[in-house]
Amino acid sequence: MSEEAEERLNWHFLLTHLCGISHRTWRTFHTIRTDAEWLSQYTLRYRYVTGSGLRPDTPKVNGLTRPGGLVCSRHPLTDKL
């Protein structure tokens, strides 16, 4: 059993048996947590590709910047800004 699966099983036991949380509530919590993790990874990838969300003092890349001093980088596959 993987470490992640074992941790999930431990949380399931803790929440359902010790805290008395129903299985339906646990599934909702797990779904929200999984969706949040996916959204976080998607956001990080989007910011990396678009160059948004970087600090204003980030050095320029190829001399391209966006308003506010944010770095503007080209997409590695499409070469679009």
C-alpha atoms as a PDB file:
ATOM      1  CA  MET A   1       0.000   0.000   0.000  1.00  0.00           C
ATOM      2  CA  SER A   2       1.401   3.389  -0.948  1.00  0.00           C
ATOM      3  CA  GLU A   3       2.135   6.010   1.672  1.00  0.00           C
ATOM      4  CA  GLU A   4      -0.600   8.280   0.266  1.00  0.00           C
ATOM      5  CA  ALA A   5      -3.197   5.487   0.383  1.00  0.00           C
ATOM      6  CA  GLU A   6      -2.208   4.626   3.942  1.00  0.00           C
ATOM      7  CA  GLU A   7      -2.535   8.269   5.015  1.00  0.00           C
ATOM      8  CA  ARG A   8      -5.964   8.497   3.360  1.00  0.00           C
ATOM      9  CA  LEU A   9      -7.062   5.338   5.193  1.00  0.00           C
ATOM     10  CA  ASN A  10      -5.824   6.737   8.513  1.00  0.00           C
ATOM     11  CA  TRP A  11      -7.747   9.990   7.971  1.00  0.00           C
ATOM     12  CA  HIS A  12     -10.839   8.037   6.987  1.00  0.00           C
ATOM     13  CA  PHE A  13     -10.655   5.963  10.168  1.00  0.00           C
ATOM     14  CA  LEU A  14     -10.028   9.020  12.325  1.00  0.00           C
ATOM     15  CA  LEU A  15     -12.896  11.051  10.894  1.00  0.00           C
ATOM     16  CA  THR A  16     -15.492   8.302  10.588  1.00  0.00           C
ATOM     17  CA  HIS A  17     -14.877   6.198  13.700  1.00  0.00           C
ATOM     18  CA  LEU A  18     -13.336   8.514  16.258  1.00  0.00           C
ATOM     19  CA  CYS A  19     -15.060  11.794  15.333  1.00  0.00           C
ATOM     20  CA  GLY A  20     -18.361  10.252  14.234  1.00  0.00           C
ATOM     21  CA  ILE A  21     -18.396  11.931  10.815  1.00  0.00           C
ATOM     22  CA  SER A  22     -20.602  10.124   8.297  1.00  0.00           C
ATOM     23  CA  HIS A  23     -19.222   8.512   5.161  1.00  0.00           C
ATOM     24  CA  ARG A  24     -21.152  10.998   2.972  1.00  0.00           C
ATOM     25  CA  THR A  25     -19.517  13.962   4.739  1.00  0.00           C
ATOM     26  CA  TRP A  26     -16.099  12.337   4.399  1.00  0.00           C
ATOM     27  CA  ARG A  27     -16.589  11.842   0.656  1.00  0.00           C
ATOM     28  CA  THR A  28     -17.587  15.498   0.251  1.00  0.00           C
ATOM     29  CA  PHE A  29     -14.502  16.625   2.183  1.00  0.00           C
ATOM     30  CA  HIS A  30     -12.234  14.346   0.149  1.00  0.00           C
ATOM     31  CA  THR A  31     -13.730  15.614  -3.139  1.00  0.00           C
ATOM     32  CA  ILE A  32     -13.267  19.260  -2.133  1.00  0.00           C
ATOM     33  CA  ARG A  33      -9.688  18.567  -1.045  1.00  0.00           C
ATOM     34  CA  THR A  34      -8.878  16.717  -4.273  1.00  0.00           C
ATOM     35  CA  ASP A  35     -10.431  19.473  -6.400  1.00  0.00           C
ATOM     36  CA  ALA A  36      -8.467  22.114  -4.481  1.00  0.00           C
ATOM     37  CA  GLU A  37      -5.202  20.253  -5.066  1.00  0.00           C
ATOM     38  CA  TRP A  38      -5.969  19.923  -8.792  1.00  0.00           C
ATOM     39  CA  LEU A  39      -6.898  23.613  -9.045  1.00  0.00           C
ATOM     40  CA  SER A  40      -3.722  24.595  -7.235  1.00  0.00           C
ATOM     41  CA  GLN A  41      -1.573  22.595  -9.683  1.00  0.00           C
ATOM     42  CA  TYR A  42      -3.510  24.025 -12.648  1.00  0.00           C
ATOM     43  CA  THR A  43      -3.019  27.571 -11.318  1.00  0.00           C
ATOM     44  CA  LEU A  44       0.709  27.029 -10.837  1.00  0.00           C
ATOM     45  CA  ARG A  45       1.044  25.706 -14.400  1.00  0.00           C
ATOM     46  CA  TYR A  46      -0.994  28.626 -15.796  1.00  0.00           C
ATOM     47  CA  ARG A  47       1.129  31.161 -13.940  1.00  0.00           C
ATOM     48  CA  TYR A  48       4.322  29.475 -15.138  1.00  0.00           C
ATOM     49  CA  VAL A  49       3.216  29.435 -18.775  1.00  0.00           C
ATOM     50  CA  THR A  50       1.755  32.954 -18.843  1.00  0.00           C
ATOM     51  CA  GLY A  51       4.269  34.567 -16.516  1.00  0.00           C
ATOM     52  CA  SER A  52       1.463  36.056 -14.415  1.00  0.00           C
ATOM     53  CA  GLY A  53       1.651  36.243 -10.657  1.00  0.00           C
ATOM     54  CA  LEU A  54       5.392  36.825 -10.597  1.00  0.00           C
ATOM     55  CA  ARG A  55       6.933  39.448  -8.345  1.00  0.00           C
ATOM     56  CA  PRO A  56       7.481  42.870  -9.974  1.00  0.00           C
ATOM     57  CA  ASP A  57      11.220  42.702  -9.224  1.00  0.00           C
ATOM     58  CA  THR A  58      11.585  39.516 -11.299  1.00  0.00           C
ATOM     59  CA  PRO A  59      14.226  40.084 -13.993  1.00  0.00           C
ATOM     60  CA  LYS A  60      13.083  40.584 -17.574  1.00  0.00           C
ATOM     61  CA  VAL A  61      13.128  37.599 -19.905  1.00  0.00           C
ATOM     62  CA  ASN A  62      14.079  38.452 -23.488  1.00  0.00           C
ATOM     63  CA  GLY A  63      13.308  42.091 -22.664  1.00  0.00           C
ATOM     64  CA  LEU A  64       9.546  41.480 -22.519  1.00  0.00           C
ATOM     65  CA  THR A  65       7.475  42.803 -19.631  1.00  0.00           C
ATOM     66  CA  ARG A  66       3.802  43.292 -18.903  1.00  0.00           C
ATOM     67  CA  PRO A  67       2.203  46.349 -17.277  1.00  0.00           C
ATOM     68  CA  GLY A  68       3.260  46.602 -13.659  1.00  0.00           C
ATOM     69  CA  GLY A  69       6.664  45.087 -14.392  1.00  0.00           C
ATOM     70  CA  LEU A  70       5.492  41.468 -14.563  1.00  0.00           C
ATOM     71  CA  VAL A  71       7.496  39.188 -16.787  1.00  0.00           C
ATOM     72  CA  CYS A  72       5.885  38.209 -20.067  1.00  0.00           C
ATOM     73  CA  SER A  73       7.160  34.917 -21.429  1.00  0.00           C
ATOM     74  CA  ARG A  74       6.337  33.044 -24.591  1.00  0.00           C
ATOM     75  CA  HIS A  75       4.574  29.683 -24.503  1.00  0.00           C
ATOM     76  CA  PRO A  76       7.206  26.997 -25.185  1.00  0.00           C
ATOM     77  CA  LEU A  77       5.098  25.178 -27.812  1.00  0.00           C
ATOM     78  CA  THR A  78       3.083  27.901 -29.553  1.00  0.00           C
ATOM     79  CA  ASP A  79       5.603  30.745 -29.139  1.00  0.00           C
ATOM     80  CA  LYS A  80       2.688  33.056 -28.279  1.00  0.00           C
ATOM     81  CA  LEU A  81       2.848  35.656 -25.515  1.00  0.00           C
END
